[in-house]
Every structure is written in C-alpha cells, then in structure tokens.
C-alpha cells in the first residue's frame, strides 16, 4: 500500500494507466485526483502537507552557532505556462509539485522536482531575471542525455561537453533563456 509520501508517484502511475486507455489527463489534473483520494481539497494542500511530513523526517542540521540551513531552491523566470510545462514536465521529466496564483488571471508560481532537484518557476516580474543558470551535480549524465534525445522535443537536442570544469556537462536551455547545467564528476 502506498502512503502519502508516494503521492507524486501515484499521480504519475495514474496518468500512465489512463493514457494506456486513451484518457488524456495532464500531470496537474492527476495530482488533483490523488489529493482528493487523500481527502484533501486540492494539490496545493496536499503538497503543503507532504512538505510538513518531510520536514519531520529530516530535521535541519545546525552548525556551531545553532543555525541549520536547508538546500537552496533556484527560482527561474518563465513567460508562458504551457511552454514551461512542455519543457520542464514533458521534456525534462520533472513532476509538478504544486502551483499557486493569487487570483484568476494572475501570474503563476510553481514548484517542479525530479530526483532530489527542486526548482521554482515564476511568471512574477520581480522574482527572477531571465537568463539564469542552475548548476546541478548528478550521476548518470549519459542516461539523462539519452532520455532527452529520445523525447520528441524539437527545440533541444543537448550534447555532453566532455572536458568542462568539474566533469562531464550537459547544458539544457529552457524556452525563456535560462540554462540548467547537469554535471557529473569525472572518475
């Protein structure tokens, strides 16, 4: 039996099962369904509850002064929600964790994640500048490249730079001028 901590995996599994039956739901729609299965109003509520659960499991470590810092989450500026979903969810394989608007027809702010990497994407003018670079240490850069090349995304066919500083580098630009540099250390 899966638990609440498996909610994103449940949404992905549901989406794939429905797609095999020619029922096309977006990832966001399946996240909403999973949230309702847990008796919650929507995915935003579920994501907040999941975040609280994870915080309980992994308390922050403090330094000598007692200050405990968590990992940073980059905020990337986006200008078109559908292009962002196509790139981050469909092409890069991230999962939509949650999205927020202050009201109808307001800019979107959302969180996406994959394998321990969390990004915030924002249409809000003051949140970030286009053209940012996110550096990601990883393992399996060749497998990621093969996965991306195998997807039908005409706007990006990334290659690996073998002699980049720090290791093998796979740079993937998004449709908004931001770049994600996936780096795997040399042996």
N, C-alpha and C. Protein backbone atom coordinates (compact mmCIF):
# COMPACT_ATOMS: atom_id res chain seq x y z
N UNK A 1 0.84 -1.18 0.00
CA UNK A 1 0.00 0.00 0.00
C UNK A 1 0.89 1.24 0.00
N UNK A 2 0.61 2.19 -0.87
CA UNK A 2 1.38 3.41 -0.92
C UNK A 2 0.90 4.39 0.13
N UNK A 3 1.82 5.25 0.57
CA UNK A 3 1.49 6.23 1.59
C UNK A 3 1.44 7.61 0.97
N UNK A 4 1.13 8.59 1.79
CA UNK A 4 1.04 9.96 1.32
C UNK A 4 2.36 10.43 0.72
N UNK A 5 3.49 9.94 1.23
CA UNK A 5 4.78 10.36 0.70
C UNK A 5 5.00 9.88 -0.74
N UNK A 6 4.18 8.97 -1.22
CA UNK A 6 4.27 8.48 -2.59
C UNK A 6 3.29 9.20 -3.53
N UNK A 7 2.73 10.32 -3.12
CA UNK A 7 1.64 10.98 -3.86
C UNK A 7 2.03 11.32 -5.30
N UNK A 8 3.23 11.85 -5.51
CA UNK A 8 3.64 12.22 -6.87
C UNK A 8 3.79 10.98 -7.75
N UNK A 9 4.34 9.92 -7.19
CA UNK A 9 4.47 8.67 -7.93
C UNK A 9 3.08 8.11 -8.27
N UNK A 10 2.15 8.25 -7.34
CA UNK A 10 0.77 7.79 -7.59
C UNK A 10 0.16 8.56 -8.75
N UNK A 11 0.38 9.87 -8.80
CA UNK A 11 -0.17 10.68 -9.89
C UNK A 11 0.44 10.27 -11.23
N UNK A 12 1.74 10.02 -11.25
CA UNK A 12 2.40 9.59 -12.48
C UNK A 12 1.86 8.24 -12.94
N UNK A 13 1.71 7.31 -12.01
CA UNK A 13 1.19 5.98 -12.33
C UNK A 13 -0.24 6.08 -12.86
N UNK A 14 -1.05 6.92 -12.23
CA UNK A 14 -2.44 7.12 -12.68
C UNK A 14 -2.47 7.69 -14.09
N UNK A 15 -1.64 8.68 -14.34
CA UNK A 15 -1.61 9.31 -15.67
C UNK A 15 -1.22 8.29 -16.74
N UNK A 16 -0.22 7.46 -16.45
CA UNK A 16 0.22 6.44 -17.42
C UNK A 16 -0.87 5.39 -17.64
N UNK A 17 -1.54 4.98 -16.57
CA UNK A 17 -2.60 3.98 -16.70
C UNK A 17 -3.76 4.52 -17.53
N UNK A 18 -4.13 5.76 -17.30
CA UNK A 18 -5.23 6.36 -18.08
C UNK A 18 -4.82 6.57 -19.53
N UNK A 19 -3.57 6.97 -19.75
CA UNK A 19 -3.09 7.18 -21.12
C UNK A 19 -3.15 5.88 -21.92
N UNK A 20 -2.87 4.74 -21.26
CA UNK A 20 -2.94 3.46 -21.96
C UNK A 20 -4.37 3.11 -22.39
N UNK A 21 -5.32 3.80 -21.80
CA UNK A 21 -6.73 3.62 -22.16
C UNK A 21 -7.27 4.80 -22.96
N UNK A 22 -6.36 5.58 -23.53
CA UNK A 22 -6.69 6.74 -24.35
C UNK A 22 -7.48 7.81 -23.57
N UNK A 23 -7.19 7.94 -22.28
CA UNK A 23 -7.76 9.01 -21.46
C UNK A 23 -6.60 9.93 -21.13
N UNK A 24 -6.64 11.13 -21.69
CA UNK A 24 -5.52 12.05 -21.57
C UNK A 24 -5.79 13.08 -20.48
N UNK A 25 -5.07 12.95 -19.36
CA UNK A 25 -5.12 13.94 -18.29
C UNK A 25 -3.72 14.53 -18.14
N UNK A 26 -3.65 15.81 -17.82
CA UNK A 26 -2.36 16.43 -17.57
C UNK A 26 -1.83 15.93 -16.22
N UNK A 27 -0.55 16.15 -16.00
CA UNK A 27 0.02 15.75 -14.72
C UNK A 27 -0.64 16.52 -13.59
N UNK A 28 -0.92 17.79 -13.81
CA UNK A 28 -1.58 18.61 -12.79
C UNK A 28 -2.95 18.04 -12.43
N UNK A 29 -3.68 17.61 -13.43
CA UNK A 29 -5.01 17.04 -13.18
C UNK A 29 -4.92 15.76 -12.36
N UNK A 30 -3.93 14.92 -12.65
CA UNK A 30 -3.80 13.69 -11.87
C UNK A 30 -3.34 13.97 -10.44
N UNK A 31 -2.53 15.03 -10.25
CA UNK A 31 -2.16 15.40 -8.89
C UNK A 31 -3.39 15.83 -8.09
N UNK A 32 -4.30 16.54 -8.74
CA UNK A 32 -5.55 16.95 -8.08
C UNK A 32 -6.37 15.72 -7.67
N UNK A 33 -6.44 14.71 -8.55
CA UNK A 33 -7.18 13.49 -8.25
C UNK A 33 -6.57 12.78 -7.04
N UNK A 34 -5.25 12.67 -7.03
CA UNK A 34 -4.57 12.00 -5.91
C UNK A 34 -4.82 12.76 -4.60
N UNK A 35 -4.78 14.08 -4.66
CA UNK A 35 -5.05 14.87 -3.45
C UNK A 35 -6.45 14.56 -2.91
N UNK A 36 -7.42 14.48 -3.81
CA UNK A 36 -8.79 14.18 -3.38
C UNK A 36 -8.89 12.77 -2.80
N UNK A 37 -8.08 11.83 -3.31
CA UNK A 37 -8.09 10.47 -2.77
C UNK A 37 -7.62 10.45 -1.32
N UNK A 38 -6.79 11.41 -0.95
CA UNK A 38 -6.34 11.52 0.43
C UNK A 38 -7.28 12.39 1.26
N UNK A 39 -8.40 12.79 0.67
CA UNK A 39 -9.39 13.59 1.39
C UNK A 39 -9.04 15.05 1.53
N UNK A 40 -8.14 15.54 0.66
CA UNK A 40 -7.71 16.93 0.72
C UNK A 40 -8.37 17.72 -0.41
N UNK A 41 -8.50 19.01 -0.21
CA UNK A 41 -9.23 19.86 -1.16
C UNK A 41 -8.56 19.95 -2.52
N UNK A 42 -7.23 20.03 -2.55
CA UNK A 42 -6.52 20.22 -3.81
C UNK A 42 -5.05 19.85 -3.63
N UNK A 43 -4.29 19.90 -4.74
CA UNK A 43 -2.89 19.52 -4.68
C UNK A 43 -2.07 20.49 -3.86
N UNK A 44 -2.39 21.79 -3.87
CA UNK A 44 -1.64 22.74 -3.06
C UNK A 44 -1.68 22.34 -1.59
N UNK A 45 -2.84 21.94 -1.12
CA UNK A 45 -2.99 21.49 0.27
C UNK A 45 -2.18 20.21 0.49
N UNK A 46 -2.25 19.30 -0.47
CA UNK A 46 -1.51 18.03 -0.35
C UNK A 46 0.00 18.29 -0.33
N UNK A 47 0.47 19.18 -1.20
CA UNK A 47 1.91 19.47 -1.26
C UNK A 47 2.38 20.10 0.04
N UNK A 48 1.56 20.98 0.61
CA UNK A 48 1.93 21.59 1.89
C UNK A 48 2.00 20.52 2.98
N UNK A 49 1.04 19.62 3.00
CA UNK A 49 1.01 18.55 3.99
C UNK A 49 2.22 17.63 3.79
N UNK A 50 2.54 17.32 2.54
CA UNK A 50 3.70 16.47 2.25
C UNK A 50 4.98 17.16 2.71
N UNK A 51 5.10 18.46 2.46
CA UNK A 51 6.27 19.21 2.91
C UNK A 51 6.44 19.16 4.41
N UNK A 52 5.31 19.28 5.14
CA UNK A 52 5.37 19.20 6.60
C UNK A 52 5.87 17.82 7.02
N UNK A 53 5.38 16.78 6.34
CA UNK A 53 5.78 15.40 6.66
C UNK A 53 7.27 15.21 6.43
N UNK A 54 7.79 15.71 5.31
CA UNK A 54 9.21 15.55 5.02
C UNK A 54 10.07 16.33 6.00
N UNK A 55 9.60 17.51 6.43
CA UNK A 55 10.35 18.28 7.41
C UNK A 55 10.49 17.51 8.71
N UNK A 56 9.47 16.75 9.09
CA UNK A 56 9.54 15.96 10.31
C UNK A 56 10.58 14.84 10.17
N UNK A 57 10.70 14.30 8.96
CA UNK A 57 11.61 13.19 8.74
C UNK A 57 13.07 13.63 8.68
N UNK A 58 13.33 14.86 8.23
CA UNK A 58 14.69 15.32 8.03
C UNK A 58 14.91 16.68 8.70
N UNK A 59 15.14 16.68 10.02
CA UNK A 59 15.36 17.96 10.69
C UNK A 59 16.65 18.60 10.21
N UNK A 60 16.67 19.93 10.20
CA UNK A 60 17.86 20.67 9.74
C UNK A 60 19.01 20.44 10.70
N UNK A 61 20.19 20.30 10.16
CA UNK A 61 21.38 20.16 10.99
C UNK A 61 21.90 21.56 11.29
N UNK A 62 22.30 21.79 12.50
CA UNK A 62 22.82 23.10 12.87
C UNK A 62 24.34 23.13 12.87
N UNK A 63 24.89 24.33 12.67
CA UNK A 63 26.32 24.49 12.81
C UNK A 63 26.63 24.85 14.26
N UNK A 64 27.84 25.28 14.54
CA UNK A 64 28.24 25.57 15.92
C UNK A 64 27.38 26.66 16.55
N UNK A 65 26.84 27.57 15.73
CA UNK A 65 26.02 28.65 16.27
C UNK A 65 24.57 28.23 16.45
N UNK A 66 24.23 26.99 16.02
CA UNK A 66 22.86 26.53 16.12
C UNK A 66 22.01 26.84 14.90
N UNK A 67 22.60 27.43 13.88
CA UNK A 67 21.88 27.75 12.65
C UNK A 67 21.89 26.54 11.74
N UNK A 68 20.72 26.12 11.29
CA UNK A 68 20.61 25.00 10.35
C UNK A 68 20.00 25.47 9.04
N UNK A 69 20.73 25.34 7.96
CA UNK A 69 20.25 25.77 6.65
C UNK A 69 19.89 24.57 5.79
N UNK A 70 18.80 24.67 5.06
CA UNK A 70 18.43 23.64 4.10
C UNK A 70 19.04 23.96 2.75
N UNK A 71 18.81 23.09 1.78
CA UNK A 71 19.33 23.35 0.45
C UNK A 71 18.53 24.48 -0.20
N UNK A 72 19.18 25.24 -1.07
CA UNK A 72 18.52 26.33 -1.76
C UNK A 72 17.65 25.82 -2.90
N UNK A 73 16.66 26.62 -3.26
CA UNK A 73 15.80 26.28 -4.38
C UNK A 73 15.86 27.44 -5.38
N UNK A 74 16.45 27.22 -6.55
CA UNK A 74 16.52 28.29 -7.54
C UNK A 74 15.12 28.68 -8.04
N UNK A 75 14.93 29.97 -8.30
CA UNK A 75 13.70 30.47 -8.92
C UNK A 75 14.06 30.89 -10.33
N UNK A 76 13.35 30.33 -11.31
CA UNK A 76 13.59 30.65 -12.71
C UNK A 76 12.39 31.40 -13.27
N UNK A 77 12.66 32.44 -14.03
CA UNK A 77 11.59 33.25 -14.62
C UNK A 77 11.07 32.55 -15.87
N UNK A 78 9.75 32.46 -15.98
CA UNK A 78 9.08 31.90 -17.15
C UNK A 78 8.09 32.93 -17.68
N UNK A 79 7.70 32.80 -18.94
CA UNK A 79 6.78 33.76 -19.55
C UNK A 79 5.55 33.11 -20.16
N UNK A 80 5.55 31.79 -20.26
CA UNK A 80 4.44 31.09 -20.91
C UNK A 80 4.25 29.76 -20.19
N UNK A 81 3.11 29.61 -19.53
CA UNK A 81 2.86 28.42 -18.71
C UNK A 81 2.89 27.14 -19.53
N UNK A 82 2.26 27.13 -20.69
CA UNK A 82 2.23 25.91 -21.50
C UNK A 82 3.62 25.51 -21.98
N UNK A 83 4.43 26.49 -22.40
CA UNK A 83 5.81 26.19 -22.81
C UNK A 83 6.61 25.66 -21.62
N UNK A 84 6.38 26.24 -20.44
CA UNK A 84 7.09 25.78 -19.24
C UNK A 84 6.72 24.33 -18.93
N UNK A 85 5.43 24.01 -18.99
CA UNK A 85 5.01 22.63 -18.73
C UNK A 85 5.59 21.68 -19.76
N UNK A 86 5.55 22.07 -21.03
CA UNK A 86 6.10 21.22 -22.09
C UNK A 86 7.59 20.95 -21.84
N UNK A 87 8.33 21.98 -21.47
CA UNK A 87 9.77 21.83 -21.28
C UNK A 87 10.09 21.08 -19.98
N UNK A 88 9.61 21.58 -18.85
CA UNK A 88 10.01 21.02 -17.56
C UNK A 88 9.35 19.68 -17.24
N UNK A 89 8.08 19.52 -17.59
CA UNK A 89 7.38 18.28 -17.26
C UNK A 89 7.56 17.23 -18.36
N UNK A 90 7.20 17.60 -19.59
CA UNK A 90 7.22 16.62 -20.67
C UNK A 90 8.63 16.30 -21.16
N UNK A 91 9.48 17.31 -21.33
CA UNK A 91 10.82 17.08 -21.86
C UNK A 91 11.81 16.64 -20.77
N UNK A 92 11.96 17.44 -19.70
CA UNK A 92 12.94 17.11 -18.67
C UNK A 92 12.44 16.04 -17.68
N UNK A 93 11.15 15.77 -17.66
CA UNK A 93 10.63 14.70 -16.80
C UNK A 93 10.42 15.10 -15.35
N UNK A 94 10.33 16.39 -15.07
CA UNK A 94 10.04 16.85 -13.72
C UNK A 94 8.58 16.56 -13.40
N UNK A 95 8.27 16.57 -12.12
CA UNK A 95 6.90 16.40 -11.63
C UNK A 95 6.43 17.74 -11.09
N UNK A 96 5.19 18.09 -11.41
CA UNK A 96 4.59 19.30 -10.84
C UNK A 96 4.24 19.01 -9.39
N UNK A 97 4.86 19.73 -8.46
CA UNK A 97 4.58 19.53 -7.04
C UNK A 97 3.37 20.36 -6.61
N UNK A 98 3.37 21.61 -7.00
CA UNK A 98 2.24 22.49 -6.70
C UNK A 98 2.36 23.75 -7.55
N UNK A 99 1.24 24.45 -7.66
CA UNK A 99 1.23 25.74 -8.34
C UNK A 99 0.32 26.69 -7.57
N UNK A 100 0.61 27.99 -7.70
CA UNK A 100 -0.15 28.98 -6.95
C UNK A 100 -0.37 30.24 -7.79
N UNK A 101 -1.57 30.78 -7.66
CA UNK A 101 -1.92 32.10 -8.21
C UNK A 101 -2.64 32.85 -7.10
N UNK A 102 -2.41 34.15 -7.03
CA UNK A 102 -3.11 34.95 -6.03
C UNK A 102 -4.58 35.16 -6.39
N UNK A 103 -4.94 34.93 -7.63
CA UNK A 103 -6.31 35.07 -8.08
C UNK A 103 -6.40 34.73 -9.55
N UNK A 104 -7.62 34.75 -10.12
CA UNK A 104 -7.78 34.46 -11.54
C UNK A 104 -6.98 35.46 -12.39
N UNK A 105 -6.37 34.95 -13.42
CA UNK A 105 -5.62 35.78 -14.36
C UNK A 105 -4.41 36.47 -13.72
N UNK A 106 -3.86 35.89 -12.65
CA UNK A 106 -2.64 36.38 -12.02
C UNK A 106 -1.48 35.51 -12.49
N UNK A 107 -0.23 35.99 -12.34
CA UNK A 107 0.92 35.17 -12.72
C UNK A 107 0.98 33.88 -11.89
N UNK A 108 1.56 32.87 -12.49
CA UNK A 108 1.71 31.56 -11.83
C UNK A 108 3.05 31.51 -11.09
N UNK A 109 3.06 30.79 -10.00
CA UNK A 109 4.29 30.44 -9.28
C UNK A 109 4.15 28.96 -8.97
N UNK A 110 5.16 28.15 -9.34
CA UNK A 110 5.00 26.72 -9.15
C UNK A 110 6.32 26.06 -8.78
N UNK A 111 6.20 24.86 -8.24
CA UNK A 111 7.37 24.06 -7.90
C UNK A 111 7.35 22.78 -8.71
N UNK A 112 8.51 22.45 -9.29
CA UNK A 112 8.69 21.19 -10.01
C UNK A 112 9.89 20.49 -9.39
N UNK A 113 9.92 19.16 -9.48
CA UNK A 113 11.05 18.43 -8.91
C UNK A 113 11.29 17.13 -9.67
N UNK A 114 12.53 16.67 -9.52
CA UNK A 114 12.91 15.37 -10.08
C UNK A 114 14.17 14.89 -9.36
N UNK A 115 14.13 13.69 -8.84
CA UNK A 115 15.30 13.03 -8.25
C UNK A 115 16.10 13.90 -7.30
N UNK A 116 15.44 14.61 -6.43
CA UNK A 116 16.14 15.43 -5.45
C UNK A 116 16.39 16.86 -5.87
N UNK A 117 16.15 17.22 -7.13
CA UNK A 117 16.32 18.59 -7.60
C UNK A 117 14.95 19.28 -7.58
N UNK A 118 14.87 20.41 -6.89
CA UNK A 118 13.63 21.18 -6.82
C UNK A 118 13.88 22.54 -7.44
N UNK A 119 12.96 22.98 -8.31
CA UNK A 119 13.02 24.30 -8.93
C UNK A 119 11.70 25.02 -8.72
N UNK A 120 11.77 26.31 -8.56
CA UNK A 120 10.58 27.15 -8.57
C UNK A 120 10.55 27.91 -9.89
N UNK A 121 9.39 27.93 -10.52
CA UNK A 121 9.20 28.63 -11.79
C UNK A 121 8.18 29.74 -11.55
N UNK A 122 8.49 30.94 -12.02
CA UNK A 122 7.64 32.08 -11.70
C UNK A 122 7.41 32.98 -12.90
N UNK A 123 6.15 33.39 -13.07
CA UNK A 123 5.80 34.42 -14.05
C UNK A 123 5.84 35.82 -13.41
N UNK A 124 6.06 35.89 -12.10
CA UNK A 124 6.06 37.18 -11.40
C UNK A 124 7.27 38.00 -11.81
N UNK A 125 7.05 39.26 -12.14
CA UNK A 125 8.09 40.15 -12.65
C UNK A 125 9.30 40.27 -11.73
N UNK A 126 9.10 40.42 -10.46
CA UNK A 126 10.21 40.68 -9.56
C UNK A 126 10.90 39.46 -8.99
N UNK A 127 10.47 38.27 -9.32
CA UNK A 127 11.04 37.07 -8.70
C UNK A 127 12.40 36.67 -9.24
N UNK A 128 12.63 36.85 -10.50
CA UNK A 128 13.89 36.40 -11.08
C UNK A 128 14.10 37.09 -12.43
N UNK A 129 15.31 37.04 -12.92
CA UNK A 129 15.62 37.60 -14.23
C UNK A 129 15.82 36.46 -15.22
N UNK A 130 15.34 36.62 -16.44
CA UNK A 130 15.60 35.58 -17.44
C UNK A 130 17.10 35.49 -17.71
N UNK A 131 17.54 34.32 -18.10
CA UNK A 131 18.96 34.12 -18.40
C UNK A 131 19.75 33.56 -17.24
N UNK A 132 19.08 33.01 -16.24
CA UNK A 132 19.78 32.42 -15.09
C UNK A 132 20.38 31.07 -15.47
N UNK A 133 21.37 30.64 -14.70
CA UNK A 133 21.97 29.32 -14.87
C UNK A 133 21.89 28.58 -13.55
N UNK A 134 21.44 27.33 -13.60
CA UNK A 134 21.40 26.46 -12.43
C UNK A 134 22.42 25.35 -12.67
N UNK A 135 23.34 25.16 -11.73
CA UNK A 135 24.35 24.12 -11.83
C UNK A 135 23.92 22.96 -10.95
N UNK A 136 23.81 21.77 -11.54
CA UNK A 136 23.30 20.60 -10.83
C UNK A 136 24.34 19.48 -10.87
N UNK A 137 24.82 19.06 -9.72
CA UNK A 137 25.69 17.90 -9.65
C UNK A 137 24.80 16.66 -9.74
N UNK A 138 25.25 15.67 -10.50
CA UNK A 138 24.40 14.50 -10.70
C UNK A 138 25.23 13.27 -11.04
N UNK A 139 24.57 12.14 -11.10
CA UNK A 139 25.13 10.89 -11.62
C UNK A 139 24.23 10.45 -12.76
N UNK A 140 24.82 9.83 -13.77
CA UNK A 140 24.04 9.32 -14.89
C UNK A 140 23.78 10.34 -15.98
N UNK A 141 24.75 11.22 -16.24
CA UNK A 141 24.54 12.27 -17.23
C UNK A 141 24.30 11.69 -18.63
N UNK A 142 24.97 10.60 -18.95
CA UNK A 142 24.78 9.97 -20.27
C UNK A 142 23.36 9.40 -20.39
N UNK A 143 22.87 8.80 -19.33
CA UNK A 143 21.50 8.26 -19.34
C UNK A 143 20.48 9.39 -19.48
N UNK A 144 20.74 10.52 -18.80
CA UNK A 144 19.83 11.67 -18.93
C UNK A 144 19.84 12.19 -20.36
N UNK A 145 21.03 12.31 -20.95
CA UNK A 145 21.11 12.78 -22.33
C UNK A 145 20.34 11.85 -23.27
N UNK A 146 20.52 10.54 -23.12
CA UNK A 146 19.81 9.57 -23.97
C UNK A 146 18.30 9.70 -23.79
N UNK A 147 17.87 9.90 -22.56
CA UNK A 147 16.44 10.08 -22.28
C UNK A 147 15.90 11.32 -23.00
N UNK A 148 16.65 12.43 -22.91
CA UNK A 148 16.20 13.68 -23.53
C UNK A 148 16.20 13.59 -25.05
N UNK A 149 17.23 12.99 -25.62
CA UNK A 149 17.30 12.82 -27.08
C UNK A 149 16.14 11.95 -27.56
N UNK A 150 15.76 10.98 -26.75
CA UNK A 150 14.67 10.07 -27.11
C UNK A 150 13.29 10.70 -27.08
N UNK A 151 13.17 11.85 -26.46
CA UNK A 151 11.87 12.53 -26.41
C UNK A 151 11.68 13.36 -27.66
N UNK A 152 10.46 13.52 -28.07
CA UNK A 152 10.15 14.27 -29.29
C UNK A 152 10.00 15.75 -28.95
N UNK A 153 11.12 16.42 -28.72
CA UNK A 153 11.13 17.84 -28.38
C UNK A 153 12.06 18.53 -29.36
N UNK A 154 11.49 19.23 -30.31
CA UNK A 154 12.26 19.79 -31.42
C UNK A 154 13.21 20.92 -31.00
N UNK A 155 12.96 21.56 -29.88
CA UNK A 155 13.72 22.76 -29.50
C UNK A 155 15.04 22.47 -28.81
N UNK A 156 15.34 21.22 -28.49
CA UNK A 156 16.59 20.95 -27.78
C UNK A 156 17.04 19.51 -28.01
N UNK A 157 18.26 19.38 -28.48
CA UNK A 157 18.92 18.08 -28.61
C UNK A 157 20.31 18.23 -27.98
N UNK A 158 20.36 18.21 -26.64
CA UNK A 158 21.60 18.56 -25.94
C UNK A 158 22.72 17.54 -26.12
N UNK A 159 23.94 18.05 -26.09
CA UNK A 159 25.13 17.22 -26.17
C UNK A 159 25.95 17.36 -24.90
N UNK A 160 26.85 16.44 -24.69
CA UNK A 160 27.69 16.45 -23.49
C UNK A 160 29.05 17.06 -23.82
N UNK A 161 29.49 17.99 -22.96
CA UNK A 161 30.83 18.55 -23.05
C UNK A 161 31.73 17.69 -22.16
N UNK A 162 32.67 17.02 -22.75
CA UNK A 162 33.50 16.07 -22.01
C UNK A 162 34.50 16.73 -21.08
N UNK A 163 35.04 17.87 -21.45
CA UNK A 163 36.13 18.48 -20.67
C UNK A 163 35.71 19.76 -19.97
N UNK A 164 34.49 19.83 -19.52
CA UNK A 164 34.02 21.01 -18.80
C UNK A 164 34.62 21.03 -17.40
N UNK A 165 34.75 22.22 -16.81
CA UNK A 165 35.25 22.27 -15.43
C UNK A 165 34.36 21.44 -14.49
N UNK A 166 34.98 20.57 -13.74
CA UNK A 166 34.23 19.75 -12.79
C UNK A 166 33.76 18.42 -13.33
N UNK A 167 33.83 18.20 -14.64
CA UNK A 167 33.40 16.91 -15.17
C UNK A 167 32.68 17.01 -16.50
N UNK A 168 31.87 16.01 -16.76
CA UNK A 168 31.08 15.96 -18.00
C UNK A 168 29.84 16.82 -17.79
N UNK A 169 29.53 17.67 -18.77
CA UNK A 169 28.47 18.66 -18.61
C UNK A 169 27.44 18.54 -19.71
N UNK A 170 26.19 18.52 -19.30
CA UNK A 170 25.04 18.52 -20.23
C UNK A 170 24.27 19.80 -19.95
N UNK A 171 24.35 20.76 -20.86
CA UNK A 171 23.65 22.03 -20.67
C UNK A 171 22.36 22.02 -21.46
N UNK A 172 21.26 22.35 -20.78
CA UNK A 172 19.94 22.34 -21.40
C UNK A 172 19.30 23.71 -21.21
N UNK A 173 19.15 24.48 -22.30
CA UNK A 173 18.49 25.79 -22.18
C UNK A 173 16.97 25.63 -22.22
N UNK A 174 16.27 26.43 -21.39
CA UNK A 174 14.81 26.39 -21.44
C UNK A 174 14.31 27.43 -22.44
N UNK A 175 13.02 27.47 -22.73
CA UNK A 175 12.49 28.41 -23.72
C UNK A 175 12.55 29.88 -23.30
N UNK A 176 13.00 30.16 -22.07
CA UNK A 176 12.97 31.52 -21.55
C UNK A 176 14.37 32.10 -21.34
N UNK A 177 15.39 31.42 -21.86
CA UNK A 177 16.76 31.91 -21.75
C UNK A 177 17.51 31.41 -20.53
N UNK A 178 16.88 30.61 -19.69
CA UNK A 178 17.56 30.02 -18.54
C UNK A 178 18.28 28.75 -18.98
N UNK A 179 19.33 28.38 -18.24
CA UNK A 179 20.08 27.17 -18.56
C UNK A 179 20.22 26.31 -17.32
N UNK A 180 20.11 25.00 -17.53
CA UNK A 180 20.40 24.05 -16.46
C UNK A 180 21.62 23.27 -16.90
N UNK A 181 22.65 23.30 -16.07
CA UNK A 181 23.88 22.58 -16.37
C UNK A 181 23.96 21.36 -15.46
N UNK A 182 23.76 20.20 -16.05
CA UNK A 182 23.85 18.93 -15.34
C UNK A 182 25.30 18.46 -15.42
N UNK A 183 25.96 18.31 -14.29
CA UNK A 183 27.38 17.98 -14.27
C UNK A 183 27.65 16.71 -13.50
N UNK A 184 28.41 15.81 -14.14
CA UNK A 184 28.81 14.56 -13.50
C UNK A 184 30.32 14.58 -13.35
N UNK A 185 30.80 14.35 -12.13
CA UNK A 185 32.25 14.38 -11.86
C UNK A 185 32.94 13.27 -12.64
N UNK A 186 34.17 13.56 -13.04
CA UNK A 186 34.98 12.54 -13.71
C UNK A 186 35.38 11.47 -12.71
N UNK A 187 35.67 10.27 -13.21
CA UNK A 187 36.10 9.17 -12.33
C UNK A 187 37.41 9.49 -11.67
